[in-house]
Protein backbone atom coordinates (compact mmCIF):
# COMPACT_ATOMS: atom_id res chain seq x y z
CA UNK A 1 22.52 125.49 128.00
CA UNK A 2 23.53 126.12 131.70
CA UNK A 3 21.02 124.88 134.00
CA UNK A 4 21.38 123.90 137.86
CA UNK A 5 23.22 120.21 136.49
CA UNK A 6 25.96 121.99 134.50
CA UNK A 7 26.58 125.17 136.82
CA UNK A 8 26.81 122.45 139.82
CA UNK A 9 29.82 120.54 137.57
CA UNK A 10 31.28 124.36 137.10
CA UNK A 11 31.17 125.23 140.51
CA UNK A 12 33.29 121.61 140.96
CA UNK A 13 35.55 122.42 138.61
CA UNK A 14 36.53 125.91 139.48
CA UNK A 15 36.69 125.02 143.14
CA UNK A 16 39.26 122.09 142.33
CA UNK A 17 41.14 124.69 140.24
CA UNK A 18 41.00 127.61 143.03
CA UNK A 19 40.11 126.38 146.35
CA UNK A 20 43.03 126.31 148.77
CA UNK A 21 45.24 128.31 146.68
CA UNK A 22 46.40 132.10 146.59
CA UNK A 23 45.23 134.21 143.48
CA UNK A 24 48.26 135.31 141.69
CA UNK A 25 46.13 137.13 138.60
CA UNK A 26 42.63 138.82 139.19
CA UNK A 27 41.05 140.89 136.52
CA UNK A 28 37.35 141.59 136.47
CA UNK A 29 36.67 143.46 133.11
CA UNK A 30 33.04 145.26 134.31
CA UNK A 31 33.31 148.64 134.78
CA UNK A 32 32.04 148.91 138.56
CA UNK A 33 34.76 146.45 139.57
CA UNK A 34 37.57 146.79 137.18
CA UNK A 35 39.68 148.23 139.69
CA UNK A 36 39.10 145.33 142.41
CA UNK A 37 42.18 143.31 143.12
CA UNK A 38 41.74 140.20 144.42
CA UNK A 39 45.55 138.73 143.91
CA UNK A 40 47.02 137.50 147.27
CA UNK A 41 44.20 136.21 148.65
CA UNK A 42 43.14 132.62 149.06
CA UNK A 43 40.10 130.98 147.48
CA UNK A 44 38.28 129.64 150.00
CA UNK A 45 35.43 127.60 148.04
CA UNK A 46 33.39 127.80 145.06
CA UNK A 47 29.68 126.86 145.35
CA UNK A 48 26.36 126.81 143.22
CA UNK A 49 23.53 127.90 144.37
CA UNK A 50 20.50 127.19 141.95
CA UNK A 51 21.99 128.66 138.17
CA UNK A 52 24.00 131.46 140.72
CA UNK A 53 28.03 130.98 141.43
CA UNK A 54 29.58 132.05 144.39
CA UNK A 55 33.53 132.32 144.59
CA UNK A 56 34.41 133.16 147.95
CA UNK A 57 37.92 134.61 148.66
CA UNK A 58 39.73 135.76 152.30
CA UNK A 59 38.30 138.90 153.59
CA UNK A 60 35.01 138.15 153.56
CA UNK A 61 34.61 138.38 149.83
CA UNK A 62 32.33 136.80 147.47
CA UNK A 63 32.61 137.13 143.36
CA UNK A 64 29.10 136.03 142.47
CA UNK A 65 28.73 135.19 138.95
CA UNK A 66 25.89 133.70 136.59
CA UNK A 67 25.80 131.89 133.25
CA UNK A 68 22.66 132.77 131.75
CA UNK A 69 22.37 131.88 128.51
CA UNK A 70 25.61 131.58 126.95
CA UNK A 71 27.55 132.24 129.94
CA UNK A 72 30.95 130.20 130.97
CA UNK A 73 33.99 129.41 133.20
CA UNK A 74 36.55 127.49 131.48
CA UNK A 75 39.72 126.48 133.74
CA UNK A 76 43.25 126.10 132.17
CA UNK A 77 46.34 124.49 133.40
CA UNK A 78 49.28 127.05 133.05
CA UNK A 79 50.46 127.81 130.21
CA UNK A 80 47.82 125.99 128.20
CA UNK A 81 46.26 128.41 125.64
CA UNK A 82 42.38 129.75 126.08
CA UNK A 83 39.74 128.35 123.72
CA UNK A 84 36.85 129.82 125.37
CA UNK A 85 35.97 132.60 123.06
CA UNK A 86 37.62 136.03 121.71
CA UNK A 87 39.37 138.07 124.09
CA UNK A 88 36.77 140.70 124.24
CA UNK A 89 34.19 137.97 125.39
CA UNK A 90 36.14 137.79 128.49
CA UNK A 91 34.76 138.96 131.49
CA UNK A 92 36.94 137.69 134.66
CA UNK A 93 40.21 136.29 135.33
CA UNK A 94 41.40 134.32 138.24
CA UNK A 95 44.66 132.65 138.23
CA UNK A 96 46.86 130.74 140.92
CA UNK A 97 50.21 129.13 139.96
CA UNK A 98 48.99 126.00 138.42
CA UNK A 99 45.12 126.78 136.71
CA UNK A 100 43.58 130.05 135.72
CA UNK A 101 39.65 130.35 135.48
CA UNK A 102 38.36 132.45 132.77
CA UNK A 103 34.42 133.86 132.68
CA UNK A 104 33.36 134.12 129.09
CA UNK A 105 29.97 136.20 128.07
CA UNK A 106 28.93 136.56 131.83
CA UNK A 107 25.57 138.86 132.26
CA UNK A 108 26.28 138.78 136.08
CA UNK A 109 29.40 139.40 137.37
CA UNK A 110 29.40 141.31 141.06
CA UNK A 111 31.68 141.51 143.83
CA UNK A 112 30.02 141.53 147.50
CA UNK A 113 30.96 141.25 151.25
CA UNK A 114 30.07 137.03 151.75
CA UNK A 115 27.79 138.44 154.89
CA UNK A 116 25.66 140.08 152.04
CA UNK A 117 25.45 136.71 149.18
CA UNK A 118 21.74 137.29 150.46
CA UNK A 119 21.10 139.80 148.45
CA UNK A 120 22.18 137.72 144.95
CA UNK A 121 20.30 134.22 145.93
CA UNK A 122 18.11 135.02 148.99
CA UNK A 123 14.98 135.28 146.60
CA UNK A 124 16.02 131.31 145.51
CA UNK A 125 13.61 128.81 146.18
CA UNK A 126 14.53 125.50 147.33
CA UNK A 127 17.45 124.21 145.50
CA UNK A 128 17.32 120.96 143.51
CA UNK A 129 20.88 120.11 144.19
CA UNK A 130 21.92 121.85 147.55
CA UNK A 131 21.54 120.99 151.23
CA UNK A 132 18.39 123.07 151.58
CA UNK A 133 16.41 120.85 149.10
CA UNK A 134 12.73 120.92 150.53
CA UNK A 135 10.10 119.38 147.57
CA UNK A 136 7.05 120.41 150.16
CA UNK A 137 7.68 124.08 150.10
CA UNK A 138 8.60 123.83 146.55
CA UNK A 139 4.86 122.56 145.74
CA UNK A 140 3.99 125.05 148.26
CA UNK A 141 5.44 127.53 145.70
CA UNK A 142 4.49 126.49 142.48
CA UNK A 143 0.66 126.12 143.76
CA UNK A 144 0.80 129.55 145.01
CA UNK A 145 -0.18 130.97 141.67
CA UNK A 146 -2.80 128.25 140.22
CA UNK A 147 -3.46 130.85 136.99
CA UNK A 148 0.01 130.64 135.98
CA UNK A 149 1.43 128.09 132.94
CA UNK A 150 3.29 125.08 134.07
CA UNK A 151 6.46 126.45 132.18
CA UNK A 152 6.36 129.37 133.52
CA UNK A 153 6.47 128.79 136.96
CA UNK A 154 8.83 126.15 136.72
CA UNK A 155 11.44 128.71 135.16
CA UNK A 156 10.60 130.80 138.34
CA UNK A 157 13.66 130.52 140.48
CA UNK A 158 11.61 131.85 143.02
CA UNK A 159 9.80 128.77 143.11
CA UNK A 160 12.31 126.08 142.80
CA UNK A 161 16.36 126.93 141.99
CA UNK A 162 17.90 125.07 138.76
CA UNK A 163 15.61 124.63 136.34
CA UNK A 164 16.15 125.96 132.88
CA UNK A 165 14.07 125.92 129.44
CA UNK A 166 15.90 122.16 128.35
CA UNK A 167 14.43 120.78 131.86
CA UNK A 168 11.07 122.80 131.71
CA UNK A 169 10.17 120.93 128.30
CA UNK A 170 11.31 117.93 129.51
CA UNK A 171 9.50 117.73 132.47
CA UNK A 172 6.33 119.04 130.88
CA UNK A 173 6.61 116.14 128.33
CA UNK A 174 7.00 113.81 130.91
CA UNK A 175 4.06 115.38 132.87
CA UNK A 176 2.11 114.66 129.50
CA UNK A 177 1.13 118.45 129.15
CA UNK A 178 2.01 121.37 127.35
CA UNK A 179 4.08 124.12 129.15
CA UNK A 180 1.08 126.62 128.77
CA UNK A 181 -1.54 124.27 130.92
CA UNK A 182 -2.17 126.40 134.29
CA UNK A 183 -0.75 125.01 137.16
CA UNK A 184 -3.97 124.59 138.71
CA UNK A 185 -5.22 122.59 135.66
CA UNK A 186 -3.14 119.88 136.13
CA UNK A 187 -4.75 116.38 137.07
CA UNK A 188 -4.99 115.53 140.79
CA UNK A 189 -1.12 114.29 141.76
CA UNK A 190 0.89 115.22 138.96
CA UNK A 191 2.46 118.30 140.09
CA UNK A 192 3.83 116.69 143.29
CA UNK A 193 5.48 113.98 141.05
CA UNK A 194 6.62 116.71 138.42
CA UNK A 195 8.56 118.13 141.71
CA UNK A 196 10.16 115.01 142.56
CA UNK A 197 10.74 114.49 138.88
CA UNK A 198 12.46 117.25 138.21
CA UNK A 199 14.91 116.53 141.40
CA UNK A 200 15.59 112.99 140.22
CA UNK A 201 16.69 114.41 136.42
CA UNK A 202 18.61 117.21 137.76
CA UNK A 203 20.52 114.66 140.48
CA UNK A 204 21.02 112.16 137.69
CA UNK A 205 22.71 114.52 135.80
CA UNK A 206 24.80 116.02 137.87
CA UNK A 207 28.00 114.52 136.69
CA UNK A 208 27.16 113.84 133.17
CA UNK A 209 29.28 115.67 130.23
CA UNK A 210 25.78 115.56 128.39
CA UNK A 211 22.39 115.85 129.98
CA UNK A 212 20.26 113.33 129.21
CA UNK A 213 16.28 113.00 130.19
CA UNK A 214 15.66 109.79 128.16
CA UNK A 215 15.44 105.89 128.66
CA UNK A 216 18.01 103.56 127.02
CA UNK A 217 14.76 102.19 125.02
CA UNK A 218 11.19 102.77 124.31
CA UNK A 219 8.56 100.93 122.65
CA UNK A 220 7.21 103.02 119.93
CA UNK A 221 3.14 103.26 119.52
CA UNK A 222 1.22 104.71 116.98
CA UNK A 223 -1.44 107.22 118.11
CA UNK A 224 -4.37 105.35 119.72
CA UNK A 225 -7.72 105.98 117.62
CA UNK A 226 -10.25 104.54 120.46
CA UNK A 227 -12.73 106.51 122.23
CA UNK A 228 -11.10 108.67 124.75
CA UNK A 229 -7.67 108.98 123.42
CA UNK A 230 -6.10 111.41 121.30
CA UNK A 231 -3.76 114.11 122.77
CA UNK A 232 -2.53 113.19 126.34
CA UNK A 233 -3.49 109.59 126.15
CA UNK A 234 -0.64 108.30 124.42
CA UNK A 235 2.04 106.12 125.43
CA UNK A 236 4.28 108.93 126.27
CA UNK A 237 6.21 108.12 129.37
CA UNK A 238 4.73 110.96 132.03
CA UNK A 239 6.06 111.87 135.85
CA UNK A 240 4.50 108.84 136.92
CA UNK A 241 6.91 106.53 136.07
CA UNK A 242 10.17 106.08 137.63
CA UNK A 243 12.31 106.20 135.41
CA UNK A 244 14.79 108.08 137.25
CA UNK A 245 16.81 107.64 140.21
CA UNK A 246 16.08 108.98 143.77
CA UNK A 247 19.39 108.06 144.72
CA UNK A 248 23.27 107.58 143.35
CA UNK A 249 23.24 104.34 140.92
CA UNK A 250 22.08 103.57 137.39
CA UNK A 251 18.70 104.75 135.91
CA UNK A 252 16.11 102.07 135.76
CA UNK A 253 15.23 101.73 132.57
CA UNK A 254 11.87 100.04 131.28
CA UNK A 255 12.29 97.22 129.35
CA UNK A 256 12.20 97.32 125.58
CA UNK A 257 9.85 94.04 125.31
CA UNK A 258 7.20 96.26 128.04
CA UNK A 259 3.49 96.51 126.41
CA UNK A 260 1.90 99.97 125.27
CA UNK A 261 0.76 101.81 128.47
CA UNK A 262 -2.95 101.76 126.69
CA UNK A 263 -3.04 98.30 125.59
CA UNK A 264 -4.71 99.47 122.53
CA UNK A 265 -2.78 101.03 120.38
CA UNK A 266 -0.59 99.14 117.57
CA UNK A 267 2.71 98.26 118.32
CA UNK A 268 5.55 99.64 115.83
CA UNK A 269 9.20 97.71 116.02
CA UNK A 270 11.03 98.81 118.98
CA UNK A 271 13.86 101.54 118.48
CA UNK A 272 16.57 102.06 120.30
CA UNK A 273 16.50 105.38 121.52
CA UNK A 274 20.13 107.88 120.82
CA UNK A 275 18.69 110.63 121.62
CA UNK A 276 19.40 112.08 125.12
CA UNK A 277 16.18 114.33 125.02
CA UNK A 278 12.86 114.03 124.57
CA UNK A 279 11.96 117.23 123.34
CA UNK A 280 14.22 120.18 123.64
CA UNK A 281 15.63 120.73 120.34
CA UNK A 282 13.89 118.64 117.94
CA UNK A 283 11.26 120.70 116.29
CA UNK A 284 9.64 119.01 113.55
CA UNK A 285 11.48 115.55 113.97
CA UNK A 286 9.53 112.73 115.33
CA UNK A 287 8.22 112.49 118.90
CA UNK A 288 10.41 109.35 120.35
CA UNK A 289 7.52 107.74 121.90
CA UNK A 290 4.46 108.41 119.05
CA UNK A 291 6.11 109.44 115.60
CA UNK A 292 4.49 112.94 115.64
CA UNK A 293 6.42 115.80 114.67
CA UNK A 294 8.02 117.75 117.64
CA UNK A 295 6.81 121.71 117.49
CA UNK A 296 8.25 124.78 118.49
CA UNK A 297 6.63 127.98 119.87
CA UNK A 298 8.30 130.21 122.29
CA UNK A 299 6.98 131.12 125.51
CA UNK A 300 7.71 134.06 127.08
CA UNK A 301 10.60 134.88 124.54
CA UNK A 302 12.10 131.58 125.24
CA UNK A 303 12.13 128.40 122.88
CA UNK A 304 9.67 125.63 123.93
CA UNK A 305 9.06 122.27 122.59
CA UNK A 306 6.39 120.07 122.90
CA UNK A 307 4.56 116.94 121.16
CA UNK A 308 0.83 117.76 120.17
CA UNK A 309 -0.17 113.87 120.50
CA UNK A 310 1.59 112.86 123.83
CA UNK A 311 0.88 116.07 125.51
CA UNK A 312 -2.69 118.03 126.51
CA UNK A 313 -3.35 121.46 127.13
CA UNK A 314 -3.58 124.90 125.31
CA UNK A 315 -0.97 125.90 122.96
CA UNK A 316 -0.04 128.90 121.15
């Protein structure tokens, strides 16, 4: 699923294949721009802005695209067969003497003047992977609607740009709260750590072929039965734990022999975590930390996953 990290990777691939080269093929298969012809123009650069792609070409023009749920740009060498889907799903073709970029299932594709890019991306909040990243501004915008569920607030690109449904679920798990908990109901200090964790996770995954939010190994513990325990009081990781890097380098891995967080839960044999994600896409499978089956429900028409033991807060 395209999110800020994978969109950044797509922009890098397109930039490498197209930037600095003259277009010898241009085909925009959307009614409004079907007659537009970019051949003969040099591609200047391709950048990501949140989950948007901006391909700038000579003459002050920008091709704006958005992948949403299942759009994709594929790059092929000259003469290589195209494998991104059937021909009727192709929405854009940009080619030069060496490479061809093909856009499949693009729900948003528009040609605009470069000096009018703000029409497409001006509404976005601070970009988690961009030079304008501003955690204080992101936090301010999230707090502006304290009654809003955390999951919905994280997905609102006007608050911070780059988070999609996968990261929404994973960040809520790390924060030990359900995506339906209102922003204003979060424990003190948790929201700033969620913002920090979001930037660190996207940064850590900016060049990975497979998105990963889990640590290499974890010590599974049985849910505590002591007073005051229950949902939200297990040993699940949270946004206070430093499991992702703030700068380039390997993720700092917690020791597999670390004692349970509560000090009271019964230890189970350490297990090697081979799953890339904690909860997303794992409905009915055991939580990687406590073993409780992961649950799934829709939030704003998006499949949402959480652990009923590790995460506290309202649920559907």
